[in-house]
Amino acid sequence: MKYYIIAGEASGDLHGSNLIKAIKQKQATAEIRCWGGDLMRSAGGVLVKHYKEMAFMGFLEVLRNLPRIFKNIRYCKEDIARFKPDVLIFIDYSGFNLRIAEWARKEGFRTQYYISPQIWASREGRIKKIKRDIDAMYVILPFEKDFYEKKHDYPVHFVGHPLIDAIADFPKKDPAEFRNEHGLDPEKPIIALLPGSRKQEVQNMLRLMLAVTTDFQGYQFVIAGAPSLEDEFYLPFLKQKEVSFVSNKTYQLLSCAHAALVTSGTATLETALFKVPQVVCYKGNWLSYQIAKRIITLNYISLVNLIMDKEVVTELIQGKLTPKNISAELARIVEGPKRREQLGSYDKLEQKLGGKGASEKAAELIVKSV
């Protein structure tokens, strides 16, 4: 069988790689062509386009890159038509994937979605396109099943969250060895900085996160370098004596961290599953934020709070994201009752996510469908 998988971000690359492994375990002769990243290629997919060439953040950046985006869409359609897959599998990345799905449906291809677009957060009207163009949907968040089935009469499969598997299978390194390898202080507790994966995002977040380092002399701050960015990009931020850097080793860093400052996104959930207390940070450009504020209908922006349906982790958004507020909230989680409260809620969060086996469950359903 021939599978064509499209992911457009680092998190999609991770989940896509685990899905590829699971498909190949069930069907060793499977041919898999993909848009994604290094992890999907290492798992056995033939990589067509790297997500680094497709990562545009915010409305203005998307507008500026529209010619490139439309060129990618045209090329993707041509490549699918040449490959003639038995099924197309989309991983999040809805702006691109729903356009491909509409075309693919008309061309007679089977279409399946693994990891739903977040239509429960904004632009809920996209449900019409999903109902029209997607044959099967595999959701990973517990509230998504009710959203689709009860609210929109669209049956979906809840397979659990693949991060549970990714973190459980992660080969843990001795903390002392990790500290020594990266020249970190063997005694000072680590505060991890996870500023995102796109240049614009990282520049905005790190400037604010690093402003508080002098307030925490008894700790060491370590930046988690994203796989989508070159190490050289971070050099201007490393001039501060209070900060260190590790490249593409976020899970190893989180396994050693005492607390974290995290840009909103999948990283908030990863941090929680590693049982690291965190402050969630987000600040976009003014226009993008004003547009987003008018179309996003959620009470929270972090996956942790959304899944728990209450404020477990503090969210500092836009105007509230100031060095003063970051420092105050970070102080609350390095010790004291707020720290203990977060850690207690993380155990309940993991239970809600449905346990291990998301990639295997999704792969089994996909392989059976073709």
Protein backbone atom coordinates (compact mmCIF):
# COMPACT_ATOMS: atom_id res chain seq x y z
CA MET A 1 0.00 0.00 0.00
CA LYS A 2 1.06 3.59 -0.66
CA TYR A 3 0.65 6.33 1.94
CA TYR A 4 1.16 10.08 1.53
CA ILE A 5 1.52 12.01 4.81
CA ILE A 6 1.58 15.81 5.15
CA ALA A 7 2.86 17.59 8.29
CA GLY A 8 4.02 21.19 8.36
CA GLU A 9 5.60 21.77 11.77
CA ALA A 10 8.10 20.25 14.22
CA SER A 11 5.37 18.67 16.37
CA GLY A 12 3.77 17.16 13.26
CA ASP A 13 7.15 15.73 12.28
CA LEU A 14 7.38 13.99 15.67
CA HIS A 15 3.87 12.55 15.52
CA GLY A 16 4.24 11.69 11.84
CA SER A 17 7.46 9.77 12.51
CA ASN A 18 5.78 7.63 15.16
CA LEU A 19 2.84 7.01 12.84
CA ILE A 20 5.21 5.93 10.05
CA LYS A 21 6.96 3.49 12.41
CA ALA A 22 3.62 2.04 13.49
CA ILE A 23 2.39 1.66 9.89
CA LYS A 24 5.61 -0.08 8.88
CA GLN A 25 5.34 -2.47 11.84
CA LYS A 26 1.92 -3.50 10.60
CA GLN A 27 2.79 -3.40 6.91
CA ALA A 28 6.50 -3.81 6.22
CA THR A 29 6.11 -3.22 2.47
CA ALA A 30 4.28 0.09 2.88
CA GLU A 31 5.52 2.89 0.61
CA ILE A 32 5.38 6.22 2.43
CA ARG A 33 5.98 9.61 0.87
CA CYS A 34 5.79 12.66 3.13
CA TRP A 35 6.04 16.35 3.82
CA GLY A 36 7.57 16.79 7.27
CA GLY A 37 11.07 16.70 8.71
CA ASP A 38 14.12 14.72 9.69
CA LEU A 39 12.23 12.46 12.10
CA MET A 40 9.74 11.33 9.44
CA ARG A 41 12.60 10.69 7.02
CA SER A 42 14.50 8.68 9.66
CA ALA A 43 11.36 6.63 10.34
CA GLY A 44 11.27 5.48 6.72
CA GLY A 45 9.30 8.13 4.84
CA VAL A 46 10.57 9.57 1.55
CA LEU A 47 10.76 13.28 2.35
CA VAL A 48 9.37 15.56 -0.35
CA LYS A 49 9.46 18.93 1.43
CA HIS A 50 10.89 19.93 4.82
CA TYR A 51 8.66 21.83 7.23
CA LYS A 52 11.43 24.44 7.63
CA GLU A 53 10.44 25.66 4.17
CA MET A 54 6.79 26.03 5.19
CA ALA A 55 6.82 27.49 8.73
CA PHE A 56 5.18 30.93 8.57
CA MET A 57 3.94 32.48 11.81
CA GLY A 58 1.21 35.12 12.10
CA PHE A 59 -1.13 36.71 9.59
CA LEU A 60 1.38 39.23 8.24
CA GLU A 61 4.06 36.61 7.61
CA VAL A 62 1.53 34.41 5.82
CA LEU A 63 0.44 37.32 3.62
CA ARG A 64 4.03 38.13 2.72
CA ASN A 65 4.68 34.53 1.74
CA LEU A 66 1.48 33.80 -0.18
CA PRO A 67 3.25 33.22 -3.54
CA ARG A 68 5.51 30.62 -1.88
CA ILE A 69 2.56 28.97 -0.13
CA PHE A 70 0.56 28.67 -3.36
CA LYS A 71 3.62 27.30 -5.15
CA ASN A 72 3.94 24.61 -2.45
CA ILE A 73 0.25 23.74 -2.81
CA ARG A 74 0.60 23.33 -6.58
CA TYR A 75 3.71 21.19 -6.21
CA CYS A 76 2.06 19.03 -3.54
CA LYS A 77 -0.92 18.29 -5.78
CA GLU A 78 1.38 17.38 -8.68
CA ASP A 79 3.46 15.08 -6.47
CA ILE A 80 0.39 13.31 -5.09
CA ALA A 81 -0.98 12.81 -8.59
CA ARG A 82 2.31 11.22 -9.70
CA PHE A 83 2.60 8.99 -6.61
CA LYS A 84 -1.05 7.87 -6.64
CA PRO A 85 -1.30 6.93 -2.92
CA ASP A 86 -3.97 4.60 -1.57
CA VAL A 87 -4.63 7.12 1.20
CA LEU A 88 -3.66 10.68 2.10
CA ILE A 89 -2.99 11.35 5.80
CA PHE A 90 -3.03 14.93 7.07
CA ILE A 91 -1.41 15.97 10.36
CA ASP A 92 -2.80 19.26 11.75
CA TYR A 93 -1.46 22.20 9.59
CA SER A 94 -5.00 22.99 8.52
CA GLY A 95 -4.49 26.02 6.27
CA PHE A 96 -2.46 23.91 3.85
CA ASN A 97 -3.96 20.49 4.43
CA LEU A 98 -7.63 21.40 4.03
CA ARG A 99 -6.85 22.95 0.63
CA ILE A 100 -5.11 19.75 -0.45
CA ALA A 101 -7.98 17.67 0.96
CA GLU A 102 -10.57 19.55 -1.10
CA TRP A 103 -8.62 18.89 -4.29
CA ALA A 104 -7.83 15.28 -3.34
CA ARG A 105 -11.48 14.47 -2.65
CA LYS A 106 -12.46 15.69 -6.13
CA GLU A 107 -9.64 13.60 -7.62
CA GLY A 108 -10.95 10.47 -5.90
CA PHE A 109 -8.23 9.96 -3.26
CA ARG A 110 -9.02 8.60 0.20
CA THR A 111 -8.44 11.30 2.82
CA GLN A 112 -7.80 10.84 6.56
CA TYR A 113 -6.82 13.29 9.30
CA TYR A 114 -4.57 12.39 12.22
CA ILE A 115 -4.48 15.17 14.84
CA SER A 116 -7.42 17.44 14.18
CA PRO A 117 -7.17 21.08 13.15
CA GLN A 118 -8.10 23.17 16.17
CA ILE A 119 -11.49 24.22 14.83
CA TRP A 120 -12.80 24.10 18.40
CA ALA A 121 -10.57 27.13 19.05
CA SER A 122 -11.30 29.27 15.99
CA ARG A 123 -13.09 29.26 12.63
CA GLU A 124 -15.45 26.49 13.63
CA GLY A 125 -17.10 26.79 10.23
CA ARG A 126 -14.29 24.66 8.82
CA ILE A 127 -16.31 21.66 10.02
CA LYS A 128 -18.19 21.89 6.70
CA LYS A 129 -14.95 21.29 4.78
CA ILE A 130 -13.94 18.45 7.09
CA LYS A 131 -17.31 16.72 6.71
CA ARG A 132 -17.14 17.15 2.95
CA ASP A 133 -13.49 16.28 2.31
CA ILE A 134 -12.23 13.98 5.10
CA ASP A 135 -13.16 10.28 5.17
CA ALA A 136 -11.89 9.59 8.71
CA MET A 137 -10.66 11.68 11.64
CA TYR A 138 -8.39 10.48 14.47
CA VAL A 139 -8.42 12.88 17.44
CA ILE A 140 -5.91 13.03 20.29
CA LEU A 141 -7.59 15.29 22.87
CA PRO A 142 -10.41 13.92 25.04
CA PHE A 143 -12.79 16.85 24.52
CA GLU A 144 -12.50 16.66 20.72
CA LYS A 145 -14.65 13.52 20.46
CA ASP A 146 -17.63 15.25 22.07
CA PHE A 147 -17.00 18.38 20.01
CA TYR A 148 -17.21 16.50 16.72
CA GLU A 149 -19.80 13.87 17.55
CA LYS A 150 -22.22 15.66 19.86
CA LYS A 151 -21.97 19.17 18.50
CA HIS A 152 -21.42 18.46 14.80
CA ASP A 153 -22.69 14.90 14.25
CA TYR A 154 -19.39 13.83 12.72
CA PRO A 155 -18.02 10.48 13.99
CA VAL A 156 -14.33 10.42 14.96
CA HIS A 157 -11.87 8.02 16.61
CA PHE A 158 -10.22 9.07 19.89
CA VAL A 159 -6.83 7.34 19.89
CA GLY A 160 -5.14 9.07 22.84
CA HIS A 161 -2.26 11.52 22.73
CA PRO A 162 0.95 10.45 20.93
CA LEU A 163 3.10 12.53 23.28
CA ILE A 164 2.47 9.91 25.97
CA ASP A 165 4.32 7.38 23.79
CA ALA A 166 7.01 9.81 22.65
CA ILE A 167 7.91 10.67 26.23
CA ALA A 168 7.60 7.12 27.57
CA ASP A 169 9.91 5.85 24.80
CA PHE A 170 12.41 8.69 25.21
CA PRO A 171 15.82 7.27 26.28
CA LYS A 172 16.52 9.06 29.55
CA LYS A 173 20.08 10.17 30.32
CA ASP A 174 21.60 10.50 33.77
CA PRO A 175 21.05 14.18 34.84
CA ALA A 176 24.64 14.51 36.06
CA GLU A 177 25.92 13.24 32.69
CA PHE A 178 23.69 15.69 30.81
CA ARG A 179 24.88 18.62 32.94
CA ASN A 180 28.52 17.66 32.46
CA GLU A 181 28.12 17.17 28.72
CA HIS A 182 26.76 20.70 28.29
CA GLY A 183 28.92 22.51 30.81
CA LEU A 184 26.06 23.18 33.22
CA ASP A 185 26.50 23.85 36.92
CA PRO A 186 26.22 20.50 38.74
CA GLU A 187 24.43 22.06 41.72
CA LYS A 188 22.14 24.86 40.55
CA PRO A 189 18.53 23.89 39.66
CA ILE A 190 17.71 24.35 35.97
CA ILE A 191 15.04 26.70 34.64
CA ALA A 192 14.33 25.64 31.06
CA LEU A 193 13.44 28.27 28.46
CA LEU A 194 11.29 26.94 25.60
CA PRO A 195 10.78 30.01 23.38
CA GLY A 196 9.19 28.27 20.37
CA SER A 197 10.37 27.04 17.00
CA ARG A 198 10.03 29.97 14.57
CA LYS A 199 12.52 32.83 14.32
CA GLN A 200 10.05 35.64 14.91
CA GLU A 201 8.50 33.80 17.84
CA VAL A 202 11.85 32.96 19.46
CA GLN A 203 13.13 36.52 19.13
CA ASN A 204 10.02 37.91 20.83
CA MET A 205 9.94 35.35 23.62
CA LEU A 206 13.63 35.13 24.52
CA ARG A 207 13.99 38.88 24.86
CA LEU A 208 11.35 38.81 27.61
CA MET A 209 12.32 35.50 29.22
CA LEU A 210 15.97 36.49 29.58
CA ALA A 211 15.02 39.77 31.24
CA VAL A 212 14.34 37.91 34.51
CA THR A 213 17.54 35.88 34.85
CA THR A 214 19.15 38.28 37.33
CA ASP A 215 16.16 37.84 39.67
CA PHE A 216 17.03 34.15 40.20
CA GLN A 217 20.69 34.01 41.15
CA GLY A 218 20.39 30.55 42.72
CA TYR A 219 19.25 28.98 39.43
CA GLN A 220 20.68 28.46 35.94
CA PHE A 221 18.69 29.24 32.80
CA VAL A 222 19.03 26.95 29.77
CA ILE A 223 17.59 27.71 26.33
CA ALA A 224 16.15 24.76 24.40
CA GLY A 225 17.24 25.19 20.78
CA ALA A 226 14.59 24.14 18.26
CA PRO A 227 15.48 21.64 15.50
CA SER A 228 13.98 24.04 12.95
CA LEU A 229 16.59 26.74 13.68
CA GLU A 230 20.37 26.84 13.24
CA ASP A 231 22.47 27.09 16.40
CA GLU A 232 24.01 30.34 15.13
CA PHE A 233 20.61 32.02 15.37
CA TYR A 234 20.79 31.82 19.18
CA LEU A 235 24.28 33.32 19.54
CA PRO A 236 23.13 36.92 20.23
CA PHE A 237 21.06 35.66 23.17
CA LEU A 238 23.96 33.77 24.74
CA LYS A 239 25.95 36.87 25.62
CA GLN A 240 24.26 36.90 29.01
CA LYS A 241 26.35 35.09 31.61
CA GLU A 242 23.23 33.71 33.28
CA VAL A 243 22.10 31.59 30.32
CA SER A 244 23.24 28.35 28.65
CA PHE A 245 22.06 26.59 25.48
CA VAL A 246 21.35 23.05 24.31
CA SER A 247 20.43 22.26 20.74
CA ASN A 248 17.63 19.89 19.78
CA LYS A 249 17.61 18.19 23.20
CA THR A 250 14.41 19.57 24.68
CA TYR A 251 13.30 16.27 26.23
CA GLN A 252 16.67 15.71 27.91
CA LEU A 253 16.53 19.27 29.23
CA LEU A 254 12.98 18.87 30.57
CA SER A 255 13.90 15.60 32.27
CA CYS A 256 16.43 17.59 34.34
CA ALA A 257 14.53 20.87 34.76
CA HIS A 258 13.17 22.29 38.01
CA ALA A 259 10.83 24.78 36.30
CA ALA A 260 10.22 26.26 32.84
CA LEU A 261 9.09 29.28 30.88
CA VAL A 262 7.24 27.95 27.84
CA THR A 263 5.82 29.56 24.72
CA SER A 264 2.26 28.38 24.20
CA GLY A 265 1.85 25.34 21.97
CA THR A 266 2.58 21.63 22.13
CA ALA A 267 5.55 22.40 24.39
CA THR A 268 3.20 23.27 27.26
CA LEU A 269 1.84 19.73 27.22
CA GLU A 270 5.30 18.18 26.84
CA THR A 271 6.51 20.16 29.84
CA ALA A 272 3.55 18.98 31.91
CA LEU A 273 4.11 15.33 30.97
CA PHE A 274 7.71 15.66 32.15
CA LYS A 275 6.24 16.94 35.44
CA VAL A 276 7.95 20.34 35.24
CA PRO A 277 6.09 23.35 36.73
CA GLN A 278 5.75 26.09 34.12
CA VAL A 279 4.64 29.59 33.23
CA VAL A 280 3.05 29.83 29.76
CA CYS A 281 4.11 32.83 27.69
CA TYR A 282 2.73 34.27 24.46
CA LYS A 283 3.13 37.57 22.64
CA GLY A 284 2.55 38.14 18.92
CA ASN A 285 2.70 41.27 16.82
CA TRP A 286 -0.12 43.72 17.52
CA LEU A 287 -2.13 43.14 14.33
CA SER A 288 -1.92 39.33 14.50
CA TYR A 289 -3.01 39.40 18.13
CA GLN A 290 -5.97 41.69 17.43
CA ILE A 291 -7.16 39.40 14.64
CA ALA A 292 -6.62 36.24 16.72
CA LYS A 293 -8.45 37.74 19.70
CA ARG A 294 -11.54 38.19 17.55
CA ILE A 295 -11.65 34.69 16.08
CA ILE A 296 -10.42 32.51 18.97
CA THR A 297 -13.23 31.52 21.30
CA LEU A 298 -11.33 29.74 24.10
CA ASN A 299 -10.86 30.67 27.73
CA TYR A 300 -7.25 29.40 27.69
CA ILE A 301 -4.41 29.09 25.17
CA SER A 302 -2.35 26.27 26.71
CA LEU A 303 -3.23 22.64 26.10
CA VAL A 304 -2.77 21.89 29.79
CA ASN A 305 -5.54 24.28 30.84
CA LEU A 306 -7.78 23.37 27.91
CA ILE A 307 -7.66 19.67 28.73
CA MET A 308 -8.17 20.22 32.45
CA ASP A 309 -10.80 22.93 31.78
CA LYS A 310 -9.33 25.16 34.48
CA GLU A 311 -6.24 27.28 35.06
CA VAL A 312 -3.58 24.81 36.15
CA VAL A 313 -0.67 26.80 34.69
CA THR A 314 -0.50 30.59 34.63
CA GLU A 315 -0.82 32.11 31.16
CA LEU A 316 0.84 35.47 30.52
CA ILE A 317 -0.55 36.70 27.22
CA GLN A 318 0.32 39.81 25.18
CA GLY A 319 0.17 42.86 27.50
CA LYS A 320 0.48 40.71 30.62
CA LEU A 321 3.76 39.24 29.38
CA THR A 322 6.17 41.66 31.08
CA PRO A 323 9.46 40.93 32.87
CA LYS A 324 7.84 41.93 36.16
CA ASN A 325 4.98 39.45 35.73
CA ILE A 326 7.24 36.68 34.43
CA SER A 327 9.49 37.07 37.45
CA ALA A 328 6.58 37.05 39.90
CA GLU A 329 4.95 33.94 38.40
CA LEU A 330 8.23 32.08 38.06
CA ALA A 331 8.95 32.73 41.74
CA ARG A 332 5.61 31.06 42.59
CA ILE A 333 6.55 27.79 40.85
CA VAL A 334 10.19 27.33 41.84
CA GLU A 335 8.92 26.64 45.37
CA GLY A 336 5.74 26.88 47.41
CA PRO A 337 2.06 25.87 47.11
CA LYS A 338 1.63 26.85 43.44
CA ARG A 339 4.42 24.44 42.50
CA ARG A 340 2.82 21.57 44.43
CA GLU A 341 -0.59 22.40 42.95
CA GLN A 342 0.71 22.16 39.37
CA LEU A 343 2.51 18.88 40.00
CA GLY A 344 -0.64 17.35 41.49
CA SER A 345 -2.73 18.40 38.49
CA TYR A 346 -0.22 16.93 36.02
CA ASP A 347 -0.99 13.40 37.24
CA LYS A 348 -4.72 13.93 36.54
CA LEU A 349 -3.88 15.42 33.15
CA GLU A 350 -1.98 12.30 32.08
CA GLN A 351 -4.92 10.09 33.06
CA LYS A 352 -7.26 12.19 30.90
CA LEU A 353 -5.07 11.74 27.84
CA GLY A 354 -5.90 8.06 27.55
CA GLY A 355 -2.65 6.20 28.10
CA LYS A 356 -0.10 4.80 25.67
CA GLY A 357 -0.58 3.51 22.14
CA ALA A 358 -1.97 6.47 20.13
CA SER A 359 0.28 5.92 17.11
CA GLU A 360 -0.41 2.17 17.06
CA LYS A 361 -4.19 2.69 17.35
CA ALA A 362 -4.22 5.26 14.57
CA ALA A 363 -1.99 3.12 12.34
CA GLU A 364 -4.18 0.06 12.83
CA LEU A 365 -7.32 1.99 11.83
CA ILE A 366 -5.58 3.56 8.84
CA VAL A 367 -4.12 0.28 7.53
CA LYS A 368 -7.47 -1.50 7.92
CA SER A 369 -9.24 1.28 6.03
CA VAL A 370 -7.20 0.72 2.87
